């Protein structure tokens, strides 16, 4: 039987494996090298991964969901990205009435860009349903989100959180030294701008609506959507004409396709 995969793609002992057995599986004498990636921290098995694997196996064993259900939800979560949220912001910049809706009833506004917080997957899996709030930046107020306790994030509309968002380094430091952390992302704010750190939790999720940048007069909704990147929606960057990471790239044929 195959061992479960960690988030980094490693095989990991099942939850029933004893600690000594796990240690022996890693501390062993051999004459081969373990493959490493360019992100060694990601290869390390964290306490959260151990807990997730154990809980997942238990839920499957108890019949709460199947391994197929888990795969479908994982696939859904990994495919969605920040584009719905970016379109929401772009539409709000162009339409004052929609902006009012987004700030007062963000879940209704989310539906306008194709995101249903009650049933985001569309195939009956549990939702991330929580209170949702959109934080409006102004010329004198800049918002940035974090989850100081763990990694709560508005996944239905922003997709999966970036790895750095989940690290203790970001979570612990942002709430204490927000300007220093933002500067490490290349975002330098003047002293006249108040920085507000919003701490997400199990019951409340946030995203940021940045100020529309200069030089975008006459732009269409599609053009504006492209410059509202994921980091802008978290609050560690500002939208900038010509800068986007929400680019849809063409797929290519596999380099080594499987042979029949």
C-alpha atoms as a PDB file:
ATOM      1  CA  UNK A   1       0.000   0.000   0.000  1.00  0.00           C
ATOM      2  CA  UNK A   2       1.381   3.382  -0.952  1.00  0.00           C
ATOM      3  CA  UNK A   3       2.149   5.798   1.839  1.00  0.00           C
ATOM      4  CA  UNK A   4       0.306   9.150   1.830  1.00  0.00           C
ATOM      5  CA  UNK A   5       1.885  12.163   0.184  1.00  0.00           C
ATOM      6  CA  UNK A   6       2.928  15.295   2.026  1.00  0.00           C
ATOM      7  CA  UNK A   7       2.221  18.703   0.518  1.00  0.00           C
ATOM      8  CA  UNK A   8       5.710  18.638  -0.987  1.00  0.00           C
ATOM      9  CA  UNK A   9       5.097  15.296  -2.673  1.00  0.00           C
ATOM     10  CA  UNK A  10       7.071  13.070  -0.293  1.00  0.00           C
ATOM     11  CA  UNK A  11       5.868   9.701   0.873  1.00  0.00           C
ATOM     12  CA  UNK A  12       5.233   9.823   4.578  1.00  0.00           C
ATOM     13  CA  UNK A  13       4.588   7.030   7.094  1.00  0.00           C
ATOM     14  CA  UNK A  14       0.976   6.504   8.007  1.00  0.00           C
ATOM     15  CA  UNK A  15      -0.472   7.938  11.196  1.00  0.00           C
ATOM     16  CA  UNK A  16      -0.205   4.523  12.865  1.00  0.00           C
ATOM     17  CA  UNK A  17       3.562   4.315  12.365  1.00  0.00           C
ATOM     18  CA  UNK A  18       5.541   4.613  15.596  1.00  0.00           C
ATOM     19  CA  UNK A  19       7.858   7.548  16.102  1.00  0.00           C
ATOM     20  CA  UNK A  20      10.935   5.287  16.313  1.00  0.00           C
ATOM     21  CA  UNK A  21       9.960   3.670  13.018  1.00  0.00           C
ATOM     22  CA  UNK A  22       9.647   7.100  11.395  1.00  0.00           C
ATOM     23  CA  UNK A  23      13.072   8.066  12.714  1.00  0.00           C
ATOM     24  CA  UNK A  24      14.616   4.889  11.351  1.00  0.00           C
ATOM     25  CA  UNK A  25      13.136   5.641   7.943  1.00  0.00           C
ATOM     26  CA  UNK A  26      15.062   8.930   7.788  1.00  0.00           C
ATOM     27  CA  UNK A  27      18.197   8.221   9.876  1.00  0.00           C
ATOM     28  CA  UNK A  28      19.651   5.297   7.950  1.00  0.00           C
ATOM     29  CA  UNK A  29      22.975   4.373   6.412  1.00  0.00           C
ATOM     30  CA  UNK A  30      23.055   4.279   2.635  1.00  0.00           C
ATOM     31  CA  UNK A  31      25.230   5.028  -0.349  1.00  0.00           C
ATOM     32  CA  UNK A  32      22.792   7.209  -2.291  1.00  0.00           C
ATOM     33  CA  UNK A  33      21.875  10.866  -2.171  1.00  0.00           C
ATOM     34  CA  UNK A  34      18.365  12.119  -1.441  1.00  0.00           C
ATOM     35  CA  UNK A  35      17.017  14.387  -4.141  1.00  0.00           C
ATOM     36  CA  UNK A  36      16.634  17.986  -3.015  1.00  0.00           C
ATOM     37  CA  UNK A  37      14.739  20.824  -4.601  1.00  0.00           C
ATOM     38  CA  UNK A  38      15.499  24.522  -4.728  1.00  0.00           C
ATOM     39  CA  UNK A  39      13.213  24.955  -1.713  1.00  0.00           C
ATOM     40  CA  UNK A  40      14.602  22.729   1.055  1.00  0.00           C
ATOM     41  CA  UNK A  41      12.259  24.209   3.674  1.00  0.00           C
ATOM     42  CA  UNK A  42       9.287  22.978   1.680  1.00  0.00           C
ATOM     43  CA  UNK A  43      10.687  19.433   1.735  1.00  0.00           C
ATOM     44  CA  UNK A  44      10.730  19.352   5.513  1.00  0.00           C
ATOM     45  CA  UNK A  45       7.759  17.588   7.050  1.00  0.00           C
ATOM     46  CA  UNK A  46       6.041  20.047   9.368  1.00  0.00           C
ATOM     47  CA  UNK A  47       3.852  19.375  12.382  1.00  0.00           C
ATOM     48  CA  UNK A  48       0.910  20.684  10.371  1.00  0.00           C
ATOM     49  CA  UNK A  49       1.536  18.092   7.642  1.00  0.00           C
ATOM     50  CA  UNK A  50       1.728  15.281  10.195  1.00  0.00           C
ATOM     51  CA  UNK A  51      -1.568  16.449  11.695  1.00  0.00           C
ATOM     52  CA  UNK A  52      -3.224  16.848   8.269  1.00  0.00           C
ATOM     53  CA  UNK A  53      -2.187  13.358   7.152  1.00  0.00           C
ATOM     54  CA  UNK A  54      -3.339  11.737  10.385  1.00  0.00           C
ATOM     55  CA  UNK A  55      -6.676  13.571  10.341  1.00  0.00           C
ATOM     56  CA  UNK A  56      -7.227  12.847   6.641  1.00  0.00           C
ATOM     57  CA  UNK A  57      -6.598   9.121   7.092  1.00  0.00           C
ATOM     58  CA  UNK A  58      -8.902   9.007  10.100  1.00  0.00           C
ATOM     59  CA  UNK A  59     -11.724  10.782   8.231  1.00  0.00           C
ATOM     60  CA  UNK A  60     -11.406   8.391   5.288  1.00  0.00           C
ATOM     61  CA  UNK A  61     -11.351   5.404   7.636  1.00  0.00           C
ATOM     62  CA  UNK A  62     -14.492   6.644   9.424  1.00  0.00           C
ATOM     63  CA  UNK A  63     -16.296   7.243   6.127  1.00  0.00           C
ATOM     64  CA  UNK A  64     -16.632  11.026   6.418  1.00  0.00           C
ATOM     65  CA  UNK A  65     -15.278  11.330   2.884  1.00  0.00           C
ATOM     66  CA  UNK A  66     -13.391   9.139   0.437  1.00  0.00           C
ATOM     67  CA  UNK A  67      -9.904   9.463  -0.955  1.00  0.00           C
ATOM     68  CA  UNK A  68     -11.537  10.389  -4.275  1.00  0.00           C
ATOM     69  CA  UNK A  69     -13.488  13.206  -2.587  1.00  0.00           C
ATOM     70  CA  UNK A  70     -10.262  14.498  -1.077  1.00  0.00           C
ATOM     71  CA  UNK A  71      -8.481  14.405  -4.427  1.00  0.00           C
ATOM     72  CA  UNK A  72     -11.304  16.326  -6.131  1.00  0.00           C
ATOM     73  CA  UNK A  73     -11.284  19.056  -3.504  1.00  0.00           C
ATOM     74  CA  UNK A  74      -7.479  19.271  -3.581  1.00  0.00           C
ATOM     75  CA  UNK A  75      -7.592  19.624  -7.351  1.00  0.00           C
ATOM     76  CA  UNK A  76     -10.228  22.358  -7.073  1.00  0.00           C
ATOM     77  CA  UNK A  77      -8.264  24.245  -4.417  1.00  0.00           C
ATOM     78  CA  UNK A  78      -5.040  24.117  -6.418  1.00  0.00           C
ATOM     79  CA  UNK A  79      -6.666  25.307  -9.647  1.00  0.00           C
ATOM     80  CA  UNK A  80      -8.453  28.396  -8.398  1.00  0.00           C
ATOM     81  CA  UNK A  81      -6.433  31.564  -8.159  1.00  0.00           C
ATOM     82  CA  UNK A  82      -6.817  35.261  -7.379  1.00  0.00           C
ATOM     83  CA  UNK A  83      -8.553  36.163 -10.661  1.00  0.00           C
ATOM     84  CA  UNK A  84     -12.131  36.332  -9.223  1.00  0.00           C
ATOM     85  CA  UNK A  85     -10.984  38.695  -6.484  1.00  0.00           C
ATOM     86  CA  UNK A  86      -8.991  40.758  -8.970  1.00  0.00           C
ATOM     87  CA  UNK A  87     -12.059  41.114 -11.184  1.00  0.00           C
ATOM     88  CA  UNK A  88     -14.142  42.118  -8.165  1.00  0.00           C
ATOM     89  CA  UNK A  89     -11.701  44.935  -7.391  1.00  0.00           C
ATOM     90  CA  UNK A  90     -11.514  46.061 -11.022  1.00  0.00           C
ATOM     91  CA  UNK A  91     -15.301  46.183 -11.273  1.00  0.00           C
ATOM     92  CA  UNK A  92     -15.511  48.134  -8.033  1.00  0.00           C
ATOM     93  CA  UNK A  93     -13.053  50.698  -9.407  1.00  0.00           C
ATOM     94  CA  UNK A  94     -15.303  51.224 -12.425  1.00  0.00           C
ATOM     95  CA  UNK A  95     -18.762  50.944 -10.864  1.00  0.00           C
ATOM     96  CA  UNK A  96     -19.497  52.933  -7.659  1.00  0.00           C
ATOM     97  CA  UNK A  97     -22.685  50.968  -6.956  1.00  0.00           C
ATOM     98  CA  UNK A  98     -20.823  47.661  -7.202  1.00  0.00           C
ATOM     99  CA  UNK A  99     -18.110  49.054  -4.932  1.00  0.00           C
ATOM    100  CA  UNK A 100     -20.752  49.830  -2.319  1.00  0.00           C
ATOM    101  CA  UNK A 101     -22.079  46.273  -2.647  1.00  0.00           C
ATOM    102  CA  UNK A 102     -18.566  44.836  -2.282  1.00  0.00           C
ATOM    103  CA  UNK A 103     -17.861  46.796   0.887  1.00  0.00           C
ATOM    104  CA  UNK A 104     -21.260  46.229   2.529  1.00  0.00           C
ATOM    105  CA  UNK A 105     -22.229  42.753   1.286  1.00  0.00           C
ATOM    106  CA  UNK A 106     -19.033  41.127   0.024  1.00  0.00           C
ATOM    107  CA  UNK A 107     -20.552  37.648  -0.289  1.00  0.00           C
ATOM    108  CA  UNK A 108     -23.176  38.946  -2.715  1.00  0.00           C
ATOM    109  CA  UNK A 109     -20.486  40.795  -4.630  1.00  0.00           C
ATOM    110  CA  UNK A 110     -18.436  37.589  -4.756  1.00  0.00           C
ATOM    111  CA  UNK A 111     -21.307  35.814  -6.495  1.00  0.00           C
ATOM    112  CA  UNK A 112     -21.188  38.498  -9.184  1.00  0.00           C
ATOM    113  CA  UNK A 113     -17.689  37.281 -10.070  1.00  0.00           C
ATOM    114  CA  UNK A 114     -18.594  33.605  -9.854  1.00  0.00           C
ATOM    115  CA  UNK A 115     -17.700  32.708  -6.257  1.00  0.00           C
ATOM    116  CA  UNK A 116     -20.312  31.151  -3.967  1.00  0.00           C
ATOM    117  CA  UNK A 117     -18.997  31.128  -0.411  1.00  0.00           C
ATOM    118  CA  UNK A 118     -21.628  28.611   0.731  1.00  0.00           C
ATOM    119  CA  UNK A 119     -20.692  26.014  -1.879  1.00  0.00           C
ATOM    120  CA  UNK A 120     -17.515  27.115  -3.647  1.00  0.00           C
ATOM    121  CA  UNK A 121     -16.666  23.798  -5.311  1.00  0.00           C
ATOM    122  CA  UNK A 122     -20.079  23.154  -6.828  1.00  0.00           C
ATOM    123  CA  UNK A 123     -19.931  19.451  -6.015  1.00  0.00           C
ATOM    124  CA  UNK A 124     -20.994  19.320  -2.394  1.00  0.00           C
ATOM    125  CA  UNK A 125     -17.707  19.404  -0.514  1.00  0.00           C
ATOM    126  CA  UNK A 126     -17.500  21.366   2.739  1.00  0.00           C
ATOM    127  CA  UNK A 127     -17.017  25.072   2.225  1.00  0.00           C
ATOM    128  CA  UNK A 128     -14.722  27.555   3.876  1.00  0.00           C
ATOM    129  CA  UNK A 129     -17.828  29.470   4.938  1.00  0.00           C
ATOM    130  CA  UNK A 130     -16.922  32.285   7.288  1.00  0.00           C
ATOM    131  CA  UNK A 131     -17.656  35.956   7.642  1.00  0.00           C
ATOM    132  CA  UNK A 132     -15.943  37.766   4.771  1.00  0.00           C
ATOM    133  CA  UNK A 133     -14.904  41.401   4.703  1.00  0.00           C
ATOM    134  CA  UNK A 134     -13.262  43.529   2.027  1.00  0.00           C
ATOM    135  CA  UNK A 135     -10.898  46.181   3.383  1.00  0.00           C
ATOM    136  CA  UNK A 136     -10.753  49.396   1.366  1.00  0.00           C
ATOM    137  CA  UNK A 137      -7.441  51.178   1.098  1.00  0.00           C
ATOM    138  CA  UNK A 138      -7.383  54.969   0.898  1.00  0.00           C
ATOM    139  CA  UNK A 139      -4.583  57.464   0.223  1.00  0.00           C
ATOM    140  CA  UNK A 140      -3.973  57.601   3.986  1.00  0.00           C
ATOM    141  CA  UNK A 141      -4.799  54.022   5.082  1.00  0.00           C
ATOM    142  CA  UNK A 142      -3.149  50.818   3.896  1.00  0.00           C
ATOM    143  CA  UNK A 143      -4.500  47.399   4.909  1.00  0.00           C
ATOM    144  CA  UNK A 144      -2.612  44.113   5.018  1.00  0.00           C
ATOM    145  CA  UNK A 145      -3.913  40.709   6.103  1.00  0.00           C
ATOM    146  CA  UNK A 146      -2.357  37.920   8.124  1.00  0.00           C
ATOM    147  CA  UNK A 147      -3.356  34.972  10.262  1.00  0.00           C
ATOM    148  CA  UNK A 148      -1.161  35.203  13.320  1.00  0.00           C
ATOM    149  CA  UNK A 149      -2.397  31.893  14.766  1.00  0.00           C
ATOM    150  CA  UNK A 150      -2.179  29.610  11.731  1.00  0.00           C
ATOM    151  CA  UNK A 151      -2.922  30.322   8.057  1.00  0.00           C
ATOM    152  CA  UNK A 152      -6.595  31.334   7.668  1.00  0.00           C
ATOM    153  CA  UNK A 153      -7.073  32.759   4.177  1.00  0.00           C
ATOM    154  CA  UNK A 154     -10.041  33.578   1.885  1.00  0.00           C
ATOM    155  CA  UNK A 155      -9.412  30.563  -0.354  1.00  0.00           C
ATOM    156  CA  UNK A 156     -12.744  30.528  -2.243  1.00  0.00           C
ATOM    157  CA  UNK A 157     -11.914  33.858  -3.857  1.00  0.00           C
ATOM    158  CA  UNK A 158      -8.099  34.044  -3.642  1.00  0.00           C
ATOM    159  CA  UNK A 159      -7.146  30.398  -4.128  1.00  0.00           C
ATOM    160  CA  UNK A 160      -4.475  28.753  -2.000  1.00  0.00           C
ATOM    161  CA  UNK A 161      -2.309  30.990   0.136  1.00  0.00           C
ATOM    162  CA  UNK A 162       1.356  31.469  -0.835  1.00  0.00           C
ATOM    163  CA  UNK A 163       3.898  29.547   1.207  1.00  0.00           C
ATOM    164  CA  UNK A 164       5.369  32.655   2.819  1.00  0.00           C
ATOM    165  CA  UNK A 165       1.915  33.635   4.146  1.00  0.00           C
ATOM    166  CA  UNK A 166       1.857  30.456   6.242  1.00  0.00           C
ATOM    167  CA  UNK A 167       5.331  30.829   7.719  1.00  0.00           C
ATOM    168  CA  UNK A 168       5.877  31.871  11.356  1.00  0.00           C
ATOM    169  CA  UNK A 169       8.340  34.440  10.017  1.00  0.00           C
ATOM    170  CA  UNK A 170       5.549  36.390   8.282  1.00  0.00           C
ATOM    171  CA  UNK A 171       2.779  35.701  10.802  1.00  0.00           C
ATOM    172  CA  UNK A 172       4.681  36.721  13.912  1.00  0.00           C
ATOM    173  CA  UNK A 173       6.560  39.672  12.533  1.00  0.00           C
ATOM    174  CA  UNK A 174       3.826  41.423  10.539  1.00  0.00           C
ATOM    175  CA  UNK A 175       1.704  42.115  13.599  1.00  0.00           C
ATOM    176  CA  UNK A 176       4.695  43.656  15.403  1.00  0.00           C
ATOM    177  CA  UNK A 177       6.692  45.362  12.651  1.00  0.00           C
ATOM    178  CA  UNK A 178       4.379  45.778   9.648  1.00  0.00           C
ATOM    179  CA  UNK A 179       6.379  48.501   7.919  1.00  0.00           C
ATOM    180  CA  UNK A 180       9.585  46.493   8.114  1.00  0.00           C
ATOM    181  CA  UNK A 181       7.897  43.391   6.691  1.00  0.00           C
ATOM    182  CA  UNK A 182       6.230  45.377   3.893  1.00  0.00           C
ATOM    183  CA  UNK A 183       9.591  46.919   3.041  1.00  0.00           C
ATOM    184  CA  UNK A 184      11.005  43.414   2.619  1.00  0.00           C
ATOM    185  CA  UNK A 185       8.373  42.922  -0.085  1.00  0.00           C
ATOM    186  CA  UNK A 186       9.540  46.152  -1.714  1.00  0.00           C
ATOM    187  CA  UNK A 187       6.604  48.209  -0.442  1.00  0.00           C
ATOM    188  CA  UNK A 188       7.673  51.439   1.241  1.00  0.00           C
ATOM    189  CA  UNK A 189       4.885  53.604   2.652  1.00  0.00           C
ATOM    190  CA  UNK A 190       5.254  57.167   3.863  1.00  0.00           C
ATOM    191  CA  UNK A 191       4.767  58.025   7.510  1.00  0.00           C
ATOM    192  CA  UNK A 192       1.525  59.783   6.571  1.00  0.00           C
ATOM    193  CA  UNK A 193      -0.023  56.426   5.610  1.00  0.00           C
ATOM    194  CA  UNK A 194      -1.503  54.439   8.485  1.00  0.00           C
ATOM    195  CA  UNK A 195      -0.831  50.686   8.239  1.00  0.00           C
ATOM    196  CA  UNK A 196      -3.644  48.489   9.551  1.00  0.00           C
ATOM    197  CA  UNK A 197      -2.940  44.795  10.080  1.00  0.00           C
ATOM    198  CA  UNK A 198      -6.078  42.656   9.962  1.00  0.00           C
ATOM    199  CA  UNK A 199      -5.754  39.289  11.679  1.00  0.00           C
ATOM    200  CA  UNK A 200      -7.851  36.558  10.076  1.00  0.00           C
ATOM    201  CA  UNK A 201      -9.271  33.721  12.129  1.00  0.00           C
ATOM    202  CA  UNK A 202     -11.498  30.664  11.924  1.00  0.00           C
ATOM    203  CA  UNK A 203     -14.657  32.766  11.650  1.00  0.00           C
ATOM    204  CA  UNK A 204     -13.517  35.842   9.744  1.00  0.00           C
ATOM    205  CA  UNK A 205     -11.590  36.258   6.486  1.00  0.00           C
ATOM    206  CA  UNK A 206     -10.404  39.417   4.735  1.00  0.00           C
ATOM    207  CA  UNK A 207      -9.064  40.667   1.427  1.00  0.00           C
ATOM    208  CA  UNK A 208      -7.780  44.101   0.457  1.00  0.00           C
ATOM    209  CA  UNK A 209      -9.244  46.483  -2.123  1.00  0.00           C
ATOM    210  CA  UNK A 210      -6.253  48.631  -3.103  1.00  0.00           C
ATOM    211  CA  UNK A 211      -6.430  52.174  -4.413  1.00  0.00           C
ATOM    212  CA  UNK A 212      -6.734  52.381  -8.182  1.00  0.00           C
ATOM    213  CA  UNK A 213      -3.352  53.477  -9.520  1.00  0.00           C
ATOM    214  CA  UNK A 214      -2.774  56.545 -11.625  1.00  0.00           C
ATOM    215  CA  UNK A 215      -2.313  56.059 -15.334  1.00  0.00           C
ATOM    216  CA  UNK A 216      -5.279  53.706 -15.743  1.00  0.00           C
ATOM    217  CA  UNK A 217      -7.894  56.176 -16.965  1.00  0.00           C
ATOM    218  CA  UNK A 218      -9.975  54.679 -19.744  1.00  0.00           C
ATOM    219  CA  UNK A 219      -8.902  51.121 -18.966  1.00  0.00           C
ATOM    220  CA  UNK A 220     -11.404  48.292 -19.322  1.00  0.00           C
ATOM    221  CA  UNK A 221     -12.349  45.851 -16.587  1.00  0.00           C
ATOM    222  CA  UNK A 222     -10.164  43.181 -18.185  1.00  0.00           C
ATOM    223  CA  UNK A 223      -7.161  45.507 -18.286  1.00  0.00           C
ATOM    224  CA  UNK A 224      -7.596  46.504 -14.656  1.00  0.00           C
ATOM    225  CA  UNK A 225      -8.078  42.890 -13.565  1.00  0.00           C
ATOM    226  CA  UNK A 226      -4.639  41.987 -14.873  1.00  0.00           C
ATOM    227  CA  UNK A 227      -2.782  44.413 -12.611  1.00  0.00           C
ATOM    228  CA  UNK A 228      -4.598  43.383  -9.398  1.00  0.00           C
ATOM    229  CA  UNK A 229      -2.264  40.602  -8.335  1.00  0.00           C
ATOM    230  CA  UNK A 230      -2.554  38.200  -5.424  1.00  0.00           C
ATOM    231  CA  UNK A 231      -0.036  40.179  -3.373  1.00  0.00           C
ATOM    232  CA  UNK A 232      -2.076  43.362  -3.892  1.00  0.00           C
ATOM    233  CA  UNK A 233      -5.125  41.559  -2.498  1.00  0.00           C
ATOM    234  CA  UNK A 234      -3.146  40.449   0.561  1.00  0.00           C
ATOM    235  CA  UNK A 235      -1.749  43.940   1.006  1.00  0.00           C
ATOM    236  CA  UNK A 236       1.988  43.396   0.562  1.00  0.00           C
ATOM    237  CA  UNK A 237       2.063  45.150  -2.837  1.00  0.00           C
ATOM    238  CA  UNK A 238       0.318  47.911  -4.751  1.00  0.00           C
ATOM    239  CA  UNK A 239      -1.159  47.574  -8.261  1.00  0.00           C
ATOM    240  CA  UNK A 240       1.086  49.017 -10.909  1.00  0.00           C
ATOM    241  CA  UNK A 241       0.317  49.430 -14.616  1.00  0.00           C
ATOM    242  CA  UNK A 242       2.356  46.925 -16.568  1.00  0.00           C
ATOM    243  CA  UNK A 243       2.988  44.588 -13.622  1.00  0.00           C
ATOM    244  CA  UNK A 244       0.937  41.415 -13.340  1.00  0.00           C
ATOM    245  CA  UNK A 245       1.334  37.827 -12.171  1.00  0.00           C
ATOM    246  CA  UNK A 246      -2.186  36.719 -13.081  1.00  0.00           C
ATOM    247  CA  UNK A 247      -1.160  35.793 -16.608  1.00  0.00           C
ATOM    248  CA  UNK A 248      -2.776  32.728 -18.172  1.00  0.00           C
ATOM    249  CA  UNK A 249      -0.025  30.812 -19.943  1.00  0.00           C
ATOM    250  CA  UNK A 250      -0.493  28.385 -22.815  1.00  0.00           C
ATOM    251  CA  UNK A 251      -0.060  24.708 -22.018  1.00  0.00           C
ATOM    252  CA  UNK A 252       2.473  22.619 -23.898  1.00  0.00           C
ATOM    253  CA  UNK A 253       2.818  18.955 -24.725  1.00  0.00           C
ATOM    254  CA  UNK A 254       4.499  16.749 -22.131  1.00  0.00           C
ATOM    255  CA  UNK A 255       8.251  16.411 -22.604  1.00  0.00           C
ATOM    256  CA  UNK A 256       8.159  12.717 -21.760  1.00  0.00           C
ATOM    257  CA  UNK A 257       4.621  11.465 -22.438  1.00  0.00           C
ATOM    258  CA  UNK A 258       3.678   8.100 -21.001  1.00  0.00           C
ATOM    259  CA  UNK A 259       4.026   5.226 -23.445  1.00  0.00           C
ATOM    260  CA  UNK A 260       1.128   2.822 -23.958  1.00  0.00           C
END
